């Protein structure tokens, strides 16, 4: 009885995990095939247009010269940190933009030079960024790793149990044939 419950649980739980993993990977990886990159939004500076926890998709093939005032720009603040703010001014002579978060009261202090532009934000998906942020955290990695180990252990136990059942069934069939 417990074995059947365990098998049902395992099959359902793993199926749900696999579906969620495929959907998440699809949302993250498929846009890359079309020249987009994705970022998890870490702040509400672009609220209400883009909220914390959204995943944004950025067209990395766009030429900075084609970016206009009003576009939402993804750019490097530092080599490791990027931001997503709206273009409020464009200076083609020196190749820079002035940006501002929609929720922020003032414009960003530093201009964004063309060489720091990642691209123009073209799309967004709510909550997916939260998942990415969580999976990048230490706790997220521990939980994901633990789930994988748990699934492997349960799978091994089920396979071992199934093999024993098959072996017992064969032995019973052989015993019945010998007794006939």
C-alpha atoms as a PDB file:
ATOM      1  CA  UNK A   1       0.000   0.000   0.000  1.00  0.00           C
ATOM      2  CA  UNK A   2       2.757   2.470   0.943  1.00  0.00           C
ATOM      3  CA  UNK A   3       4.670   1.493  -2.186  1.00  0.00           C
ATOM      4  CA  UNK A   4       1.719   2.396  -4.410  1.00  0.00           C
ATOM      5  CA  UNK A   5       1.242   5.735  -2.661  1.00  0.00           C
ATOM      6  CA  UNK A   6       4.970   6.439  -2.972  1.00  0.00           C
ATOM      7  CA  UNK A   7       4.909   5.601  -6.693  1.00  0.00           C
ATOM      8  CA  UNK A   8       1.876   7.835  -7.314  1.00  0.00           C
ATOM      9  CA  UNK A   9       3.443  10.653  -5.321  1.00  0.00           C
ATOM     10  CA  UNK A  10       6.750  10.283  -7.097  1.00  0.00           C
ATOM     11  CA  UNK A  11       5.213  10.173 -10.569  1.00  0.00           C
ATOM     12  CA  UNK A  12       2.987  13.205  -9.928  1.00  0.00           C
ATOM     13  CA  UNK A  13       5.626  15.225  -8.098  1.00  0.00           C
ATOM     14  CA  UNK A  14       8.323  14.595 -10.676  1.00  0.00           C
ATOM     15  CA  UNK A  15       5.909  15.289 -13.529  1.00  0.00           C
ATOM     16  CA  UNK A  16       5.054  18.668 -12.016  1.00  0.00           C
ATOM     17  CA  UNK A  17       8.741  19.430 -11.448  1.00  0.00           C
ATOM     18  CA  UNK A  18       9.582  18.511 -15.037  1.00  0.00           C
ATOM     19  CA  UNK A  19       6.756  20.615 -16.494  1.00  0.00           C
ATOM     20  CA  UNK A  20       7.791  23.633 -14.409  1.00  0.00           C
ATOM     21  CA  UNK A  21      11.455  23.174 -15.341  1.00  0.00           C
ATOM     22  CA  UNK A  22      10.659  22.926 -19.059  1.00  0.00           C
ATOM     23  CA  UNK A  23       8.396  25.995 -18.950  1.00  0.00           C
ATOM     24  CA  UNK A  24      10.979  28.015 -16.990  1.00  0.00           C
ATOM     25  CA  UNK A  25      13.830  26.974 -19.294  1.00  0.00           C
ATOM     26  CA  UNK A  26      11.686  27.736 -22.327  1.00  0.00           C
ATOM     27  CA  UNK A  27      10.896  31.224 -21.066  1.00  0.00           C
ATOM     28  CA  UNK A  28      14.556  31.866 -20.302  1.00  0.00           C
ATOM     29  CA  UNK A  29      16.281  30.136 -23.232  1.00  0.00           C
ATOM     30  CA  UNK A  30      13.999  30.397 -26.289  1.00  0.00           C
ATOM     31  CA  UNK A  31      14.320  34.205 -26.571  1.00  0.00           C
ATOM     32  CA  UNK A  32      18.115  33.770 -26.776  1.00  0.00           C
ATOM     33  CA  UNK A  33      17.599  32.032 -30.126  1.00  0.00           C
ATOM     34  CA  UNK A  34      16.186  35.303 -31.462  1.00  0.00           C
ATOM     35  CA  UNK A  35      18.892  37.629 -30.116  1.00  0.00           C
ATOM     36  CA  UNK A  36      17.242  38.501 -26.820  1.00  0.00           C
ATOM     37  CA  UNK A  37      18.688  38.200 -23.368  1.00  0.00           C
ATOM     38  CA  UNK A  38      16.700  38.062 -20.156  1.00  0.00           C
ATOM     39  CA  UNK A  39      17.136  39.675 -16.775  1.00  0.00           C
ATOM     40  CA  UNK A  40      15.341  39.324 -13.470  1.00  0.00           C
ATOM     41  CA  UNK A  41      14.244  42.731 -12.202  1.00  0.00           C
ATOM     42  CA  UNK A  42      15.557  43.371  -8.684  1.00  0.00           C
ATOM     43  CA  UNK A  43      13.872  46.679  -7.852  1.00  0.00           C
ATOM     44  CA  UNK A  44      10.654  48.608  -8.372  1.00  0.00           C
ATOM     45  CA  UNK A  45      12.372  51.615  -9.991  1.00  0.00           C
ATOM     46  CA  UNK A  46      10.314  51.072 -13.173  1.00  0.00           C
ATOM     47  CA  UNK A  47       7.006  50.526 -11.331  1.00  0.00           C
ATOM     48  CA  UNK A  48       4.234  50.273 -12.538  1.00  0.00           C
ATOM     49  CA  UNK A  49       5.533  49.399 -16.037  1.00  0.00           C
ATOM     50  CA  UNK A  50       7.971  46.764 -14.780  1.00  0.00           C
ATOM     51  CA  UNK A  51       7.746  45.397 -11.255  1.00  0.00           C
ATOM     52  CA  UNK A  52      10.306  43.710  -9.037  1.00  0.00           C
ATOM     53  CA  UNK A  53      10.308  39.987  -9.809  1.00  0.00           C
ATOM     54  CA  UNK A  54       9.480  40.386 -13.492  1.00  0.00           C
ATOM     55  CA  UNK A  55      11.721  38.908 -16.118  1.00  0.00           C
ATOM     56  CA  UNK A  56      12.458  41.344 -18.941  1.00  0.00           C
ATOM     57  CA  UNK A  57      13.574  40.462 -22.442  1.00  0.00           C
ATOM     58  CA  UNK A  58      16.109  42.741 -24.065  1.00  0.00           C
ATOM     59  CA  UNK A  59      16.819  43.007 -27.792  1.00  0.00           C
ATOM     60  CA  UNK A  60      20.610  42.934 -27.835  1.00  0.00           C
ATOM     61  CA  UNK A  61      20.834  43.430 -31.596  1.00  0.00           C
ATOM     62  CA  UNK A  62      19.382  46.936 -31.565  1.00  0.00           C
ATOM     63  CA  UNK A  63      21.797  49.706 -32.528  1.00  0.00           C
ATOM     64  CA  UNK A  64      21.976  52.354 -29.754  1.00  0.00           C
ATOM     65  CA  UNK A  65      21.430  54.998 -32.445  1.00  0.00           C
ATOM     66  CA  UNK A  66      17.954  53.473 -33.022  1.00  0.00           C
ATOM     67  CA  UNK A  67      16.950  53.821 -29.375  1.00  0.00           C
ATOM     68  CA  UNK A  68      14.605  56.758 -28.830  1.00  0.00           C
ATOM     69  CA  UNK A  69      13.362  58.849 -25.925  1.00  0.00           C
ATOM     70  CA  UNK A  70      10.642  56.831 -24.173  1.00  0.00           C
ATOM     71  CA  UNK A  71      12.240  53.439 -24.869  1.00  0.00           C
ATOM     72  CA  UNK A  72      13.186  51.281 -21.902  1.00  0.00           C
ATOM     73  CA  UNK A  73      16.909  50.724 -21.994  1.00  0.00           C
ATOM     74  CA  UNK A  74      18.932  47.923 -20.419  1.00  0.00           C
ATOM     75  CA  UNK A  75      22.469  49.014 -19.639  1.00  0.00           C
ATOM     76  CA  UNK A  76      25.504  48.228 -17.496  1.00  0.00           C
ATOM     77  CA  UNK A  77      25.911  50.265 -14.316  1.00  0.00           C
ATOM     78  CA  UNK A  78      29.102  48.328 -13.590  1.00  0.00           C
ATOM     79  CA  UNK A  79      30.610  45.352 -15.439  1.00  0.00           C
ATOM     80  CA  UNK A  80      28.604  43.032 -13.128  1.00  0.00           C
ATOM     81  CA  UNK A  81      25.394  45.061 -12.643  1.00  0.00           C
ATOM     82  CA  UNK A  82      22.769  46.113 -15.124  1.00  0.00           C
ATOM     83  CA  UNK A  83      19.741  48.367 -14.879  1.00  0.00           C
ATOM     84  CA  UNK A  84      16.566  48.885 -16.851  1.00  0.00           C
ATOM     85  CA  UNK A  85      15.385  52.517 -17.035  1.00  0.00           C
ATOM     86  CA  UNK A  86      13.506  54.716 -19.484  1.00  0.00           C
ATOM     87  CA  UNK A  87      15.386  57.020 -21.860  1.00  0.00           C
ATOM     88  CA  UNK A  88      14.421  60.635 -21.126  1.00  0.00           C
ATOM     89  CA  UNK A  89      17.104  62.372 -23.209  1.00  0.00           C
ATOM     90  CA  UNK A  90      19.382  61.345 -26.046  1.00  0.00           C
ATOM     91  CA  UNK A  91      22.660  63.019 -27.010  1.00  0.00           C
ATOM     92  CA  UNK A  92      23.837  61.637 -30.348  1.00  0.00           C
ATOM     93  CA  UNK A  93      26.850  63.971 -30.477  1.00  0.00           C
ATOM     94  CA  UNK A  94      28.596  62.285 -27.544  1.00  0.00           C
ATOM     95  CA  UNK A  95      26.705  58.972 -27.864  1.00  0.00           C
ATOM     96  CA  UNK A  96      24.836  58.910 -24.576  1.00  0.00           C
ATOM     97  CA  UNK A  97      21.432  58.726 -22.943  1.00  0.00           C
ATOM     98  CA  UNK A  98      19.950  60.232 -19.811  1.00  0.00           C
ATOM     99  CA  UNK A  99      17.727  57.670 -18.101  1.00  0.00           C
ATOM    100  CA  UNK A 100      15.233  57.631 -15.273  1.00  0.00           C
ATOM    101  CA  UNK A 101      13.322  54.968 -13.439  1.00  0.00           C
ATOM    102  CA  UNK A 102       9.577  55.593 -13.759  1.00  0.00           C
ATOM    103  CA  UNK A 103       9.165  55.461  -9.969  1.00  0.00           C
ATOM    104  CA  UNK A 104      12.212  57.646  -9.287  1.00  0.00           C
ATOM    105  CA  UNK A 105      11.715  61.373  -8.652  1.00  0.00           C
ATOM    106  CA  UNK A 106      14.871  62.424 -10.474  1.00  0.00           C
ATOM    107  CA  UNK A 107      16.886  61.465 -13.537  1.00  0.00           C
ATOM    108  CA  UNK A 108      19.844  59.124 -13.125  1.00  0.00           C
ATOM    109  CA  UNK A 109      23.007  61.069 -12.270  1.00  0.00           C
ATOM    110  CA  UNK A 110      25.387  59.355 -14.691  1.00  0.00           C
ATOM    111  CA  UNK A 111      24.737  59.297 -18.428  1.00  0.00           C
ATOM    112  CA  UNK A 112      24.600  55.938 -20.195  1.00  0.00           C
ATOM    113  CA  UNK A 113      27.127  55.825 -23.025  1.00  0.00           C
ATOM    114  CA  UNK A 114      26.439  53.751 -26.114  1.00  0.00           C
ATOM    115  CA  UNK A 115      29.173  51.256 -25.191  1.00  0.00           C
ATOM    116  CA  UNK A 116      27.315  50.446 -21.929  1.00  0.00           C
ATOM    117  CA  UNK A 117      24.014  49.729 -23.677  1.00  0.00           C
ATOM    118  CA  UNK A 118      22.846  46.116 -23.553  1.00  0.00           C
ATOM    119  CA  UNK A 119      19.730  46.764 -25.618  1.00  0.00           C
ATOM    120  CA  UNK A 120      16.112  47.846 -25.664  1.00  0.00           C
ATOM    121  CA  UNK A 121      13.597  46.106 -23.398  1.00  0.00           C
ATOM    122  CA  UNK A 122      10.956  44.494 -25.600  1.00  0.00           C
ATOM    123  CA  UNK A 123       8.945  42.245 -23.278  1.00  0.00           C
ATOM    124  CA  UNK A 124       8.301  41.144 -19.724  1.00  0.00           C
ATOM    125  CA  UNK A 125       6.862  38.191 -17.822  1.00  0.00           C
ATOM    126  CA  UNK A 126       5.627  38.533 -14.233  1.00  0.00           C
ATOM    127  CA  UNK A 127       6.979  36.294 -11.433  1.00  0.00           C
ATOM    128  CA  UNK A 128       9.500  34.388 -13.554  1.00  0.00           C
ATOM    129  CA  UNK A 129      12.224  36.745 -12.346  1.00  0.00           C
ATOM    130  CA  UNK A 130      11.324  35.804  -8.755  1.00  0.00           C
ATOM    131  CA  UNK A 131      12.018  32.169  -9.577  1.00  0.00           C
ATOM    132  CA  UNK A 132      15.329  33.050 -11.180  1.00  0.00           C
ATOM    133  CA  UNK A 133      16.314  35.249  -8.236  1.00  0.00           C
ATOM    134  CA  UNK A 134      15.392  32.482  -5.793  1.00  0.00           C
ATOM    135  CA  UNK A 135      17.305  29.815  -7.745  1.00  0.00           C
ATOM    136  CA  UNK A 136      20.394  32.030  -7.749  1.00  0.00           C
ATOM    137  CA  UNK A 137      20.299  32.400  -3.959  1.00  0.00           C
ATOM    138  CA  UNK A 138      22.093  29.982  -1.655  1.00  0.00           C
ATOM    139  CA  UNK A 139      18.787  28.727  -0.229  1.00  0.00           C
ATOM    140  CA  UNK A 140      17.356  28.256  -3.736  1.00  0.00           C
ATOM    141  CA  UNK A 141      20.382  26.228  -4.818  1.00  0.00           C
ATOM    142  CA  UNK A 142      20.166  24.081  -1.665  1.00  0.00           C
ATOM    143  CA  UNK A 143      16.459  23.401  -2.197  1.00  0.00           C
ATOM    144  CA  UNK A 144      16.874  22.648  -5.916  1.00  0.00           C
ATOM    145  CA  UNK A 145      19.809  20.315  -5.213  1.00  0.00           C
ATOM    146  CA  UNK A 146      17.878  18.628  -2.384  1.00  0.00           C
ATOM    147  CA  UNK A 147      14.870  18.042  -4.637  1.00  0.00           C
ATOM    148  CA  UNK A 148      17.081  16.454  -7.272  1.00  0.00           C
ATOM    149  CA  UNK A 149      18.736  14.168  -4.712  1.00  0.00           C
ATOM    150  CA  UNK A 150      15.337  13.304  -3.196  1.00  0.00           C
ATOM    151  CA  UNK A 151      13.955  12.435  -6.646  1.00  0.00           C
ATOM    152  CA  UNK A 152      16.962  10.237  -7.441  1.00  0.00           C
ATOM    153  CA  UNK A 153      16.711   8.367  -4.129  1.00  0.00           C
ATOM    154  CA  UNK A 154      12.966   7.763  -4.518  1.00  0.00           C
ATOM    155  CA  UNK A 155      13.482   6.695  -8.138  1.00  0.00           C
ATOM    156  CA  UNK A 156      16.168   4.192  -7.123  1.00  0.00           C
ATOM    157  CA  UNK A 157      13.929   2.802  -4.375  1.00  0.00           C
ATOM    158  CA  UNK A 158      11.008   2.447  -6.771  1.00  0.00           C
ATOM    159  CA  UNK A 159      13.134   0.800  -9.469  1.00  0.00           C
ATOM    160  CA  UNK A 160      14.698  -1.550  -6.948  1.00  0.00           C
ATOM    161  CA  UNK A 161      11.277  -2.418  -5.551  1.00  0.00           C
ATOM    162  CA  UNK A 162       9.821  -2.902  -9.033  1.00  0.00           C
ATOM    163  CA  UNK A 163      12.713  -5.167  -9.999  1.00  0.00           C
ATOM    164  CA  UNK A 164      12.191  -7.239  -6.834  1.00  0.00           C
ATOM    165  CA  UNK A 165       8.474  -7.544  -7.640  1.00  0.00           C
ATOM    166  CA  UNK A 166       9.286  -8.681 -11.187  1.00  0.00           C
ATOM    167  CA  UNK A 167      11.845 -11.169  -9.879  1.00  0.00           C
ATOM    168  CA  UNK A 168       9.351 -12.551  -7.313  1.00  0.00           C
ATOM    169  CA  UNK A 169       6.673 -12.811  -9.992  1.00  0.00           C
ATOM    170  CA  UNK A 170       9.038 -14.727 -12.298  1.00  0.00           C
ATOM    171  CA  UNK A 171      10.006 -17.060  -9.472  1.00  0.00           C
ATOM    172  CA  UNK A 172       6.325 -17.712  -8.683  1.00  0.00           C
ATOM    173  CA  UNK A 173       5.583 -18.389 -12.355  1.00  0.00           C
ATOM    174  CA  UNK A 174       8.545 -20.770 -12.550  1.00  0.00           C
ATOM    175  CA  UNK A 175       7.386 -22.555  -9.394  1.00  0.00           C
ATOM    176  CA  UNK A 176       3.879 -22.914 -10.829  1.00  0.00           C
ATOM    177  CA  UNK A 177       5.249 -24.333 -14.084  1.00  0.00           C
ATOM    178  CA  UNK A 178       7.419 -26.821 -12.183  1.00  0.00           C
ATOM    179  CA  UNK A 179       4.510 -27.951 -10.021  1.00  0.00           C
ATOM    180  CA  UNK A 180       2.335 -28.611 -13.093  1.00  0.00           C
END
